[in-house]
């Protein structure tokens, strides 16, 4: 059997939230390497929302490799711990998936993977996933957090909005958004 060379794609391993290893099937016609390594670091609201970051990375790029891989492993990075000791959160293969650690208890991720694999194992086709070539990461915020979309009657309404959105975007993101919004709309400053 011919051995297929391995390729490494460097990112920001020290500051990333997740790491994955894609063990590619050497018999698949489109595979030119045996293994791909990757790291995920959240941007904007993803910095504090590891569930959303993991879902985004499952959609793009990981699920696109399921048909060509023997196994895909997703690990949670832990600073100061050797990567061999990082917890494995998810394994994906052409035959199924397995969730472990906190991911096994996360309904959003588990339901997403169940839906993908129900379709894939029944039809042999992966549901439509995001095209990796069109993946242009947003800056600090998604389009639904554009400041000009929101008008608040007073400072209290702004605070309530930011608290409510923190569950989705994370506290750091919404804290930054709050101060940016106050700079854009100074009449909302407390005491004005």
N, C-alpha and C. Protein backbone atom coordinates (compact mmCIF):
# COMPACT_ATOMS: atom_id res chain seq x y z
N UNK A 1 0.84 -1.18 0.00
CA UNK A 1 0.00 0.00 0.00
C UNK A 1 0.89 1.24 0.00
N UNK A 2 0.57 2.19 -0.86
CA UNK A 2 1.34 3.42 -0.94
C UNK A 2 1.02 4.30 0.26
N UNK A 3 2.04 4.90 0.81
CA UNK A 3 1.78 5.81 1.91
C UNK A 3 1.52 7.19 1.33
N UNK A 4 0.58 7.87 1.94
CA UNK A 4 0.20 9.21 1.50
C UNK A 4 0.85 10.19 2.46
N UNK A 5 1.54 11.23 1.93
CA UNK A 5 2.20 12.19 2.83
C UNK A 5 1.20 12.94 3.69
N UNK A 6 1.65 13.45 4.80
CA UNK A 6 0.80 14.22 5.71
C UNK A 6 1.07 15.70 5.50
N UNK A 7 0.02 16.51 5.60
CA UNK A 7 0.16 17.96 5.48
C UNK A 7 -0.30 18.60 6.79
N UNK A 8 0.38 19.65 7.22
CA UNK A 8 0.00 20.35 8.43
C UNK A 8 -0.36 21.79 8.05
N UNK A 9 -1.47 22.24 8.57
CA UNK A 9 -1.89 23.61 8.35
C UNK A 9 -1.79 24.33 9.68
N UNK A 10 -0.89 25.28 9.75
CA UNK A 10 -0.64 25.99 11.00
C UNK A 10 -1.63 27.14 11.15
N UNK A 11 -2.06 27.34 12.36
CA UNK A 11 -2.95 28.44 12.68
C UNK A 11 -2.43 29.11 13.96
N UNK A 12 -3.25 29.19 14.96
CA UNK A 12 -2.86 29.78 16.24
C UNK A 12 -3.09 28.74 17.33
N UNK A 13 -2.22 27.73 17.42
CA UNK A 13 -2.45 26.63 18.35
C UNK A 13 -2.48 27.05 19.81
N UNK A 14 -1.75 28.08 20.19
CA UNK A 14 -1.72 28.46 21.60
C UNK A 14 -3.00 29.15 22.07
N UNK A 15 -3.63 29.90 21.19
CA UNK A 15 -4.80 30.68 21.59
C UNK A 15 -6.11 30.14 21.03
N UNK A 16 -6.09 28.99 20.41
CA UNK A 16 -7.30 28.44 19.82
C UNK A 16 -8.14 27.71 20.86
N UNK A 17 -9.43 27.66 20.61
CA UNK A 17 -10.36 26.97 21.50
C UNK A 17 -10.41 25.49 21.19
N UNK A 18 -10.38 25.15 19.90
CA UNK A 18 -10.49 23.76 19.47
C UNK A 18 -9.36 23.39 18.52
N UNK A 19 -9.08 22.09 18.49
CA UNK A 19 -8.11 21.52 17.56
C UNK A 19 -8.78 20.30 16.96
N UNK A 20 -8.52 20.05 15.68
CA UNK A 20 -9.05 18.84 15.08
C UNK A 20 -8.00 18.16 14.23
N UNK A 21 -8.20 16.86 14.08
CA UNK A 21 -7.33 16.05 13.23
C UNK A 21 -8.26 15.28 12.29
N UNK A 22 -8.04 15.44 11.00
CA UNK A 22 -8.82 14.73 9.99
C UNK A 22 -7.93 13.65 9.40
N UNK A 23 -8.28 12.39 9.66
CA UNK A 23 -7.54 11.26 9.12
C UNK A 23 -8.21 10.89 7.79
N UNK A 24 -7.60 11.28 6.69
CA UNK A 24 -8.21 11.08 5.38
C UNK A 24 -8.03 9.65 4.88
N UNK A 25 -9.01 9.20 4.11
CA UNK A 25 -8.98 7.85 3.54
C UNK A 25 -7.99 7.84 2.37
N UNK A 26 -6.91 7.07 2.46
CA UNK A 26 -5.91 7.06 1.38
C UNK A 26 -6.45 6.48 0.08
N UNK A 27 -7.56 5.78 0.13
CA UNK A 27 -8.15 5.19 -1.08
C UNK A 27 -9.13 6.11 -1.78
N UNK A 28 -9.42 7.25 -1.19
CA UNK A 28 -10.35 8.19 -1.82
C UNK A 28 -9.59 8.96 -2.90
N UNK A 29 -10.17 9.04 -4.08
CA UNK A 29 -9.50 9.61 -5.25
C UNK A 29 -9.08 11.07 -5.05
N UNK A 30 -9.83 11.85 -4.29
CA UNK A 30 -9.52 13.28 -4.15
C UNK A 30 -8.56 13.59 -3.01
N UNK A 31 -8.18 12.59 -2.23
CA UNK A 31 -7.26 12.84 -1.11
C UNK A 31 -5.82 12.80 -1.58
N UNK A 32 -5.10 13.84 -1.27
CA UNK A 32 -3.69 13.91 -1.65
C UNK A 32 -2.76 13.82 -0.44
N UNK A 33 -3.33 13.92 0.75
CA UNK A 33 -2.55 13.83 1.98
C UNK A 33 -3.26 12.84 2.92
N UNK A 34 -2.54 12.38 3.92
CA UNK A 34 -3.11 11.40 4.86
C UNK A 34 -3.83 12.07 6.02
N UNK A 35 -3.40 13.29 6.36
CA UNK A 35 -3.95 13.91 7.56
C UNK A 35 -3.97 15.42 7.42
N UNK A 36 -5.02 16.04 7.94
CA UNK A 36 -5.10 17.49 8.03
C UNK A 36 -5.29 17.85 9.50
N UNK A 37 -4.57 18.85 9.96
CA UNK A 37 -4.70 19.34 11.32
C UNK A 37 -5.23 20.76 11.26
N UNK A 38 -6.07 21.11 12.20
CA UNK A 38 -6.59 22.47 12.20
C UNK A 38 -6.88 22.96 13.60
N UNK A 39 -7.00 24.28 13.71
CA UNK A 39 -7.29 24.94 14.97
C UNK A 39 -8.39 25.95 14.74
N UNK A 40 -9.21 26.19 15.77
CA UNK A 40 -10.28 27.17 15.68
C UNK A 40 -10.18 28.16 16.81
N UNK A 41 -10.12 29.41 16.44
CA UNK A 41 -10.13 30.49 17.42
C UNK A 41 -11.30 31.38 17.07
N UNK A 42 -12.15 31.62 18.04
CA UNK A 42 -13.33 32.44 17.79
C UNK A 42 -12.98 33.88 17.51
N UNK A 43 -13.81 34.50 16.71
CA UNK A 43 -13.68 35.92 16.43
C UNK A 43 -14.96 36.59 16.90
N UNK A 44 -14.88 37.79 17.38
CA UNK A 44 -16.07 38.51 17.80
C UNK A 44 -16.82 37.74 18.87
N UNK A 45 -18.13 37.55 18.65
CA UNK A 45 -18.95 36.89 19.66
C UNK A 45 -18.54 35.45 19.88
N UNK A 46 -17.86 34.82 18.91
CA UNK A 46 -17.43 33.44 19.08
C UNK A 46 -16.39 33.29 20.19
N UNK A 47 -15.68 34.36 20.52
CA UNK A 47 -14.66 34.27 21.55
C UNK A 47 -15.21 33.74 22.85
N UNK A 48 -16.43 34.10 23.18
CA UNK A 48 -17.03 33.68 24.45
C UNK A 48 -18.15 32.68 24.26
N UNK A 49 -18.37 32.22 23.06
CA UNK A 49 -19.46 31.29 22.82
C UNK A 49 -18.90 30.06 22.10
N UNK A 50 -18.33 29.15 22.89
CA UNK A 50 -17.67 28.01 22.27
C UNK A 50 -18.65 27.06 21.61
N UNK A 51 -19.92 27.06 22.02
CA UNK A 51 -20.92 26.23 21.35
C UNK A 51 -21.11 26.71 19.92
N UNK A 52 -21.27 28.02 19.75
CA UNK A 52 -21.46 28.59 18.41
C UNK A 52 -20.22 28.38 17.56
N UNK A 53 -19.03 28.56 18.15
CA UNK A 53 -17.79 28.34 17.41
C UNK A 53 -17.70 26.89 16.95
N UNK A 54 -18.02 25.94 17.83
CA UNK A 54 -17.94 24.54 17.46
C UNK A 54 -18.96 24.20 16.37
N UNK A 55 -20.17 24.73 16.47
CA UNK A 55 -21.16 24.51 15.41
C UNK A 55 -20.67 25.08 14.08
N UNK A 56 -20.10 26.27 14.12
CA UNK A 56 -19.57 26.87 12.89
C UNK A 56 -18.48 26.01 12.28
N UNK A 57 -17.61 25.46 13.12
CA UNK A 57 -16.52 24.64 12.60
C UNK A 57 -17.00 23.28 12.12
N UNK A 58 -18.06 22.75 12.74
CA UNK A 58 -18.64 21.52 12.21
C UNK A 58 -19.20 21.76 10.82
N UNK A 59 -19.92 22.87 10.66
CA UNK A 59 -20.48 23.21 9.34
C UNK A 59 -19.38 23.45 8.32
N UNK A 60 -18.34 24.13 8.77
CA UNK A 60 -17.27 24.53 7.86
C UNK A 60 -15.97 24.63 8.64
N UNK A 61 -15.07 23.73 8.43
CA UNK A 61 -14.88 22.83 7.31
C UNK A 61 -15.18 21.36 7.59
N UNK A 62 -15.41 20.97 8.83
CA UNK A 62 -15.32 19.55 9.20
C UNK A 62 -16.31 18.63 8.49
N UNK A 63 -17.58 18.98 8.43
CA UNK A 63 -18.55 18.07 7.81
C UNK A 63 -18.28 17.85 6.33
N UNK A 64 -17.63 18.79 5.69
CA UNK A 64 -17.27 18.62 4.29
C UNK A 64 -16.28 17.50 4.05
N UNK A 65 -15.62 17.04 5.10
CA UNK A 65 -14.63 15.97 4.98
C UNK A 65 -15.15 14.59 5.37
N UNK A 66 -16.37 14.49 5.88
CA UNK A 66 -16.87 13.20 6.38
C UNK A 66 -16.80 12.11 5.31
N UNK A 67 -17.16 12.42 4.08
CA UNK A 67 -17.17 11.41 3.02
C UNK A 67 -15.77 10.97 2.62
N UNK A 68 -14.77 11.81 2.87
CA UNK A 68 -13.40 11.51 2.43
C UNK A 68 -12.50 11.05 3.57
N UNK A 69 -13.02 11.02 4.79
CA UNK A 69 -12.19 10.73 5.96
C UNK A 69 -12.47 9.35 6.53
N UNK A 70 -11.47 8.81 7.15
CA UNK A 70 -11.66 7.61 7.96
C UNK A 70 -12.19 8.01 9.33
N UNK A 71 -11.67 9.12 9.85
CA UNK A 71 -12.05 9.58 11.17
C UNK A 71 -11.69 11.06 11.30
N UNK A 72 -12.56 11.81 11.99
CA UNK A 72 -12.30 13.20 12.32
C UNK A 72 -12.43 13.31 13.83
N UNK A 73 -11.39 13.86 14.46
CA UNK A 73 -11.40 14.02 15.91
C UNK A 73 -11.34 15.51 16.25
N UNK A 74 -12.20 15.94 17.18
CA UNK A 74 -12.22 17.33 17.62
C UNK A 74 -11.88 17.36 19.10
N UNK A 75 -10.88 18.17 19.46
CA UNK A 75 -10.39 18.27 20.83
C UNK A 75 -10.60 19.69 21.34
N UNK A 76 -10.75 19.83 22.65
CA UNK A 76 -10.80 21.16 23.25
C UNK A 76 -9.41 21.51 23.75
N UNK A 77 -8.89 22.63 23.29
CA UNK A 77 -7.57 23.09 23.69
C UNK A 77 -7.59 23.50 25.17
N UNK A 78 -6.54 23.19 25.87
CA UNK A 78 -6.41 23.61 27.27
C UNK A 78 -5.00 24.13 27.48
N UNK A 79 -4.90 25.41 27.80
CA UNK A 79 -3.60 26.04 27.97
C UNK A 79 -2.74 25.33 29.01
N UNK A 80 -1.49 25.14 28.70
CA UNK A 80 -0.56 24.52 29.62
C UNK A 80 -0.65 23.01 29.70
N UNK A 81 -1.51 22.41 28.90
CA UNK A 81 -1.68 20.95 28.90
C UNK A 81 -1.19 20.43 27.55
N UNK A 82 -0.42 19.37 27.57
CA UNK A 82 0.03 18.76 26.32
C UNK A 82 -1.17 18.39 25.45
N UNK A 83 -1.04 18.59 24.14
CA UNK A 83 -2.19 18.35 23.27
C UNK A 83 -2.66 16.90 23.31
N UNK A 84 -1.78 15.98 23.64
CA UNK A 84 -2.16 14.58 23.75
C UNK A 84 -3.14 14.34 24.91
N UNK A 85 -3.22 15.31 25.82
CA UNK A 85 -4.11 15.19 26.99
C UNK A 85 -5.36 16.06 26.88
N UNK A 86 -5.53 16.75 25.78
CA UNK A 86 -6.74 17.55 25.60
C UNK A 86 -7.93 16.62 25.46
N UNK A 87 -9.07 16.99 26.03
CA UNK A 87 -10.24 16.12 25.92
C UNK A 87 -10.77 16.04 24.49
N UNK A 88 -11.08 14.82 24.06
CA UNK A 88 -11.71 14.62 22.74
C UNK A 88 -13.20 14.86 22.94
N UNK A 89 -13.74 15.80 22.18
CA UNK A 89 -15.14 16.17 22.31
C UNK A 89 -16.04 15.43 21.32
N UNK A 90 -15.55 15.28 20.09
CA UNK A 90 -16.38 14.71 19.02
C UNK A 90 -15.51 13.84 18.13
N UNK A 91 -16.05 12.71 17.71
CA UNK A 91 -15.45 11.94 16.62
C UNK A 91 -16.52 11.79 15.55
N UNK A 92 -16.10 11.99 14.32
CA UNK A 92 -16.98 11.86 13.16
C UNK A 92 -16.37 10.84 12.22
N UNK A 93 -17.19 10.03 11.60
CA UNK A 93 -16.73 9.09 10.58
C UNK A 93 -17.84 8.94 9.55
N UNK A 94 -17.59 8.26 8.45
CA UNK A 94 -18.65 8.04 7.47
C UNK A 94 -19.78 7.15 8.02
N UNK A 95 -19.55 6.48 9.14
CA UNK A 95 -20.54 5.54 9.68
C UNK A 95 -21.30 6.07 10.88
N UNK A 96 -20.85 7.17 11.45
CA UNK A 96 -21.53 7.71 12.63
C UNK A 96 -20.68 8.74 13.34
N UNK A 97 -21.18 9.16 14.48
CA UNK A 97 -20.50 10.18 15.27
C UNK A 97 -20.61 9.83 16.74
N UNK A 98 -19.74 10.42 17.54
CA UNK A 98 -19.80 10.24 18.98
C UNK A 98 -19.44 11.55 19.65
N UNK A 99 -20.24 11.96 20.63
CA UNK A 99 -19.97 13.18 21.40
C UNK A 99 -19.57 12.77 22.81
N UNK A 100 -18.63 13.49 23.39
CA UNK A 100 -18.16 13.21 24.74
C UNK A 100 -18.04 14.52 25.51
N UNK A 101 -17.72 14.40 26.79
CA UNK A 101 -17.47 15.53 27.66
C UNK A 101 -18.71 16.43 27.68
N UNK A 102 -18.55 17.73 27.73
CA UNK A 102 -19.68 18.65 27.82
C UNK A 102 -20.52 18.67 26.55
N UNK A 103 -19.94 18.29 25.41
CA UNK A 103 -20.68 18.29 24.14
C UNK A 103 -21.80 17.25 24.17
N UNK A 104 -21.58 16.12 24.85
CA UNK A 104 -22.60 15.07 24.92
C UNK A 104 -23.87 15.56 25.60
N UNK A 105 -23.75 16.61 26.40
CA UNK A 105 -24.90 17.16 27.11
C UNK A 105 -25.46 18.41 26.45
N UNK A 106 -24.86 18.84 25.36
CA UNK A 106 -25.31 20.05 24.69
C UNK A 106 -26.33 19.69 23.62
N UNK A 107 -27.58 20.03 23.88
CA UNK A 107 -28.67 19.65 23.00
C UNK A 107 -28.54 20.25 21.60
N UNK A 108 -28.07 21.47 21.50
CA UNK A 108 -27.95 22.14 20.21
C UNK A 108 -26.98 21.39 19.28
N UNK A 109 -25.80 21.04 19.80
CA UNK A 109 -24.81 20.34 18.98
C UNK A 109 -25.28 18.92 18.68
N UNK A 110 -25.80 18.22 19.69
CA UNK A 110 -26.25 16.83 19.48
C UNK A 110 -27.39 16.76 18.47
N UNK A 111 -28.34 17.67 18.54
CA UNK A 111 -29.46 17.66 17.58
C UNK A 111 -28.97 17.99 16.18
N UNK A 112 -28.03 18.92 16.08
CA UNK A 112 -27.46 19.26 14.78
C UNK A 112 -26.80 18.04 14.15
N UNK A 113 -25.93 17.36 14.90
CA UNK A 113 -25.25 16.18 14.36
C UNK A 113 -26.23 15.06 14.05
N UNK A 114 -27.23 14.87 14.89
CA UNK A 114 -28.24 13.83 14.63
C UNK A 114 -28.94 14.10 13.31
N UNK A 115 -29.31 15.35 13.06
CA UNK A 115 -29.97 15.70 11.80
C UNK A 115 -29.07 15.45 10.60
N UNK A 116 -27.82 15.84 10.71
CA UNK A 116 -26.87 15.62 9.61
C UNK A 116 -26.72 14.14 9.33
N UNK A 117 -26.47 13.36 10.37
CA UNK A 117 -26.21 11.93 10.18
C UNK A 117 -27.47 11.15 9.82
N UNK A 118 -28.64 11.57 10.30
CA UNK A 118 -29.88 10.91 9.88
C UNK A 118 -30.02 11.01 8.36
N UNK A 119 -29.78 12.19 7.83
CA UNK A 119 -29.86 12.39 6.38
C UNK A 119 -28.75 11.61 5.66
N UNK A 120 -27.53 11.74 6.15
CA UNK A 120 -26.39 11.12 5.49
C UNK A 120 -26.50 9.59 5.47
N UNK A 121 -26.83 9.00 6.59
CA UNK A 121 -26.89 7.54 6.66
C UNK A 121 -28.09 6.97 5.90
N UNK A 122 -29.14 7.77 5.74
CA UNK A 122 -30.32 7.33 5.00
C UNK A 122 -30.15 7.49 3.50
N UNK A 123 -29.60 8.64 3.08
CA UNK A 123 -29.53 8.96 1.65
C UNK A 123 -28.15 8.77 1.04
N UNK A 124 -27.13 8.72 1.87
CA UNK A 124 -25.76 8.66 1.36
C UNK A 124 -25.24 10.03 0.94
N UNK A 125 -26.01 11.07 1.17
CA UNK A 125 -25.63 12.43 0.81
C UNK A 125 -25.59 13.29 2.07
N UNK A 126 -24.54 14.06 2.20
CA UNK A 126 -24.50 15.03 3.30
C UNK A 126 -25.47 16.16 3.00
N UNK A 127 -26.18 16.63 4.02
CA UNK A 127 -27.00 17.82 3.79
C UNK A 127 -26.11 18.96 3.34
N UNK A 128 -26.67 19.91 2.70
CA UNK A 128 -25.90 21.06 2.21
C UNK A 128 -25.15 21.70 3.37
N UNK A 129 -23.85 21.84 3.21
CA UNK A 129 -23.04 22.52 4.22
C UNK A 129 -22.45 23.75 3.57
N UNK A 130 -22.02 24.66 4.40
CA UNK A 130 -21.47 25.93 3.91
C UNK A 130 -20.26 25.67 3.01
N UNK A 131 -20.21 26.39 1.91
CA UNK A 131 -19.08 26.29 1.00
C UNK A 131 -17.87 26.97 1.65
N UNK A 132 -16.81 26.18 1.87
CA UNK A 132 -15.63 26.72 2.54
C UNK A 132 -15.02 27.89 1.79
N UNK A 133 -15.15 27.93 0.49
CA UNK A 133 -14.56 29.03 -0.28
C UNK A 133 -15.29 30.34 -0.06
N UNK A 134 -16.54 30.27 0.39
CA UNK A 134 -17.31 31.48 0.65
C UNK A 134 -17.24 31.89 2.11
N UNK A 135 -16.41 31.24 2.89
CA UNK A 135 -16.35 31.51 4.32
C UNK A 135 -15.53 32.76 4.57
N UNK A 136 -16.20 33.86 4.69
CA UNK A 136 -15.53 35.11 5.03
C UNK A 136 -15.96 35.45 6.45
N UNK A 137 -15.02 35.37 7.36
CA UNK A 137 -15.34 35.58 8.76
C UNK A 137 -15.74 37.04 8.99
N UNK A 138 -16.72 37.21 9.82
CA UNK A 138 -17.14 38.55 10.20
C UNK A 138 -16.09 39.14 11.14
N UNK A 139 -16.11 40.43 11.27
CA UNK A 139 -15.23 41.08 12.23
C UNK A 139 -15.72 40.81 13.64
N UNK A 140 -15.94 41.85 14.38
CA UNK A 140 -16.32 41.67 15.77
C UNK A 140 -17.76 41.20 15.93
N UNK A 141 -18.65 41.56 15.02
CA UNK A 141 -20.06 41.25 15.20
C UNK A 141 -20.66 40.68 13.92
N UNK A 142 -21.72 39.96 14.07
CA UNK A 142 -22.48 39.49 12.93
C UNK A 142 -23.39 40.63 12.45
N UNK A 143 -23.97 40.45 11.27
CA UNK A 143 -24.84 41.49 10.70
C UNK A 143 -25.99 41.84 11.62
N UNK A 144 -26.50 40.87 12.41
CA UNK A 144 -27.65 41.17 13.25
C UNK A 144 -27.29 42.04 14.46
N UNK A 145 -26.03 42.40 14.61
CA UNK A 145 -25.63 43.32 15.67
C UNK A 145 -25.15 44.66 15.12
N UNK A 146 -25.54 44.98 13.92
CA UNK A 146 -25.18 46.31 13.39
C UNK A 146 -25.89 47.36 14.22
N UNK A 147 -25.16 48.37 14.62
CA UNK A 147 -25.69 49.39 15.52
C UNK A 147 -26.88 50.14 14.94
N UNK A 148 -26.89 50.35 13.65
CA UNK A 148 -27.98 51.14 13.07
C UNK A 148 -29.31 50.37 13.03
N UNK A 149 -29.32 49.12 13.39
CA UNK A 149 -30.56 48.34 13.44
C UNK A 149 -31.34 48.57 14.73
N UNK A 150 -30.72 49.19 15.72
CA UNK A 150 -31.33 49.28 17.05
C UNK A 150 -31.49 50.72 17.51
N UNK A 151 -32.67 51.00 18.05
CA UNK A 151 -32.96 52.28 18.69
C UNK A 151 -33.55 51.97 20.05
N UNK A 152 -32.97 52.56 21.08
CA UNK A 152 -33.42 52.32 22.45
C UNK A 152 -33.98 53.61 23.02
N UNK A 153 -35.06 53.48 23.81
CA UNK A 153 -35.70 54.65 24.41
C UNK A 153 -34.85 55.25 25.52
N UNK A 154 -34.09 54.41 26.21
CA UNK A 154 -33.27 54.90 27.32
C UNK A 154 -32.13 53.93 27.60
N UNK A 155 -31.30 54.33 28.55
CA UNK A 155 -30.14 53.53 28.91
C UNK A 155 -30.55 52.16 29.45
N UNK A 156 -31.62 52.09 30.22
CA UNK A 156 -32.09 50.83 30.78
C UNK A 156 -32.46 49.82 29.69
N UNK A 157 -33.11 50.29 28.63
CA UNK A 157 -33.48 49.39 27.53
C UNK A 157 -32.23 48.85 26.83
N UNK A 158 -31.21 49.69 26.70
CA UNK A 158 -29.95 49.23 26.12
C UNK A 158 -29.32 48.15 27.00
N UNK A 159 -29.32 48.37 28.31
CA UNK A 159 -28.75 47.38 29.23
C UNK A 159 -29.50 46.05 29.17
N UNK A 160 -30.82 46.10 29.12
CA UNK A 160 -31.62 44.87 29.05
C UNK A 160 -31.29 44.12 27.77
N UNK A 161 -31.22 44.84 26.65
CA UNK A 161 -30.88 44.21 25.37
C UNK A 161 -29.54 43.51 25.44
N UNK A 162 -28.54 44.19 25.98
CA UNK A 162 -27.19 43.61 26.05
C UNK A 162 -27.15 42.38 26.95
N UNK A 163 -27.86 42.42 28.08
CA UNK A 163 -27.91 41.24 28.95
C UNK A 163 -28.56 40.06 28.23
N UNK A 164 -29.65 40.32 27.53
CA UNK A 164 -30.35 39.25 26.81
C UNK A 164 -29.48 38.65 25.71
N UNK A 165 -28.73 39.49 25.01
CA UNK A 165 -27.91 39.01 23.89
C UNK A 165 -26.63 38.33 24.36
N UNK A 166 -26.25 38.55 25.62
CA UNK A 166 -25.02 37.93 26.14
C UNK A 166 -25.08 36.41 26.11
N UNK A 167 -26.26 35.84 26.27
CA UNK A 167 -26.38 34.38 26.23
C UNK A 167 -25.97 33.84 24.86
N UNK A 168 -26.23 34.60 23.82
CA UNK A 168 -25.90 34.14 22.46
C UNK A 168 -24.50 34.57 22.04
N UNK A 169 -24.17 35.83 22.28
CA UNK A 169 -22.91 36.37 21.76
C UNK A 169 -21.76 36.36 22.76
N UNK A 170 -22.07 36.18 24.03
CA UNK A 170 -21.04 36.20 25.06
C UNK A 170 -20.94 37.56 25.71
N UNK A 171 -20.53 37.56 26.98
CA UNK A 171 -20.48 38.80 27.75
C UNK A 171 -19.45 39.78 27.22
N UNK A 172 -18.28 39.30 26.84
CA UNK A 172 -17.24 40.21 26.35
C UNK A 172 -17.68 40.92 25.07
N UNK A 173 -18.28 40.16 24.18
CA UNK A 173 -18.76 40.75 22.93
C UNK A 173 -19.80 41.83 23.21
N UNK A 174 -20.78 41.51 24.07
CA UNK A 174 -21.85 42.46 24.31
C UNK A 174 -21.37 43.65 25.14
N UNK A 175 -20.38 43.46 25.98
CA UNK A 175 -19.81 44.58 26.73
C UNK A 175 -19.17 45.56 25.74
N UNK A 176 -18.41 45.03 24.80
CA UNK A 176 -17.78 45.86 23.78
C UNK A 176 -18.83 46.55 22.92
N UNK A 177 -19.87 45.80 22.54
CA UNK A 177 -20.95 46.35 21.72
C UNK A 177 -21.66 47.48 22.46
N UNK A 178 -21.91 47.29 23.75
CA UNK A 178 -22.57 48.28 24.60
C UNK A 178 -21.81 49.61 24.57
N UNK A 179 -20.49 49.55 24.80
CA UNK A 179 -19.71 50.79 24.81
C UNK A 179 -19.62 51.42 23.42
N UNK A 180 -19.54 50.61 22.40
CA UNK A 180 -19.55 51.14 21.03
C UNK A 180 -20.88 51.83 20.74
N UNK A 181 -21.97 51.23 21.19
CA UNK A 181 -23.29 51.81 20.95
C UNK A 181 -23.42 53.14 21.70
N UNK A 182 -22.91 53.19 22.91
CA UNK A 182 -22.97 54.46 23.67
C UNK A 182 -22.16 55.55 22.98
N UNK A 183 -21.03 55.19 22.37
CA UNK A 183 -20.24 56.20 21.64
C UNK A 183 -21.01 56.70 20.41
N UNK A 184 -21.74 55.79 19.75
CA UNK A 184 -22.50 56.20 18.57
C UNK A 184 -23.76 56.97 18.92
N UNK A 185 -24.34 56.68 20.09
CA UNK A 185 -25.59 57.31 20.53
C UNK A 185 -25.38 57.88 21.94
N UNK A 186 -24.65 58.98 22.06
CA UNK A 186 -24.31 59.52 23.39
C UNK A 186 -25.52 59.94 24.23
N UNK A 187 -26.66 60.16 23.62
CA UNK A 187 -27.85 60.52 24.40
C UNK A 187 -28.31 59.38 25.30
N UNK A 188 -27.82 58.17 25.05
CA UNK A 188 -28.19 57.02 25.88
C UNK A 188 -27.30 56.88 27.11
N UNK A 189 -26.29 57.76 27.25
CA UNK A 189 -25.39 57.69 28.41
C UNK A 189 -26.21 57.78 29.69
N UNK A 190 -25.81 57.04 30.73
CA UNK A 190 -26.54 57.15 32.01
C UNK A 190 -26.50 58.60 32.51
N UNK A 191 -27.61 59.06 32.99
CA UNK A 191 -27.70 60.41 33.53
C UNK A 191 -28.00 61.46 32.49
N UNK A 192 -28.14 61.10 31.22
CA UNK A 192 -28.46 62.09 30.19
C UNK A 192 -29.95 62.27 30.04
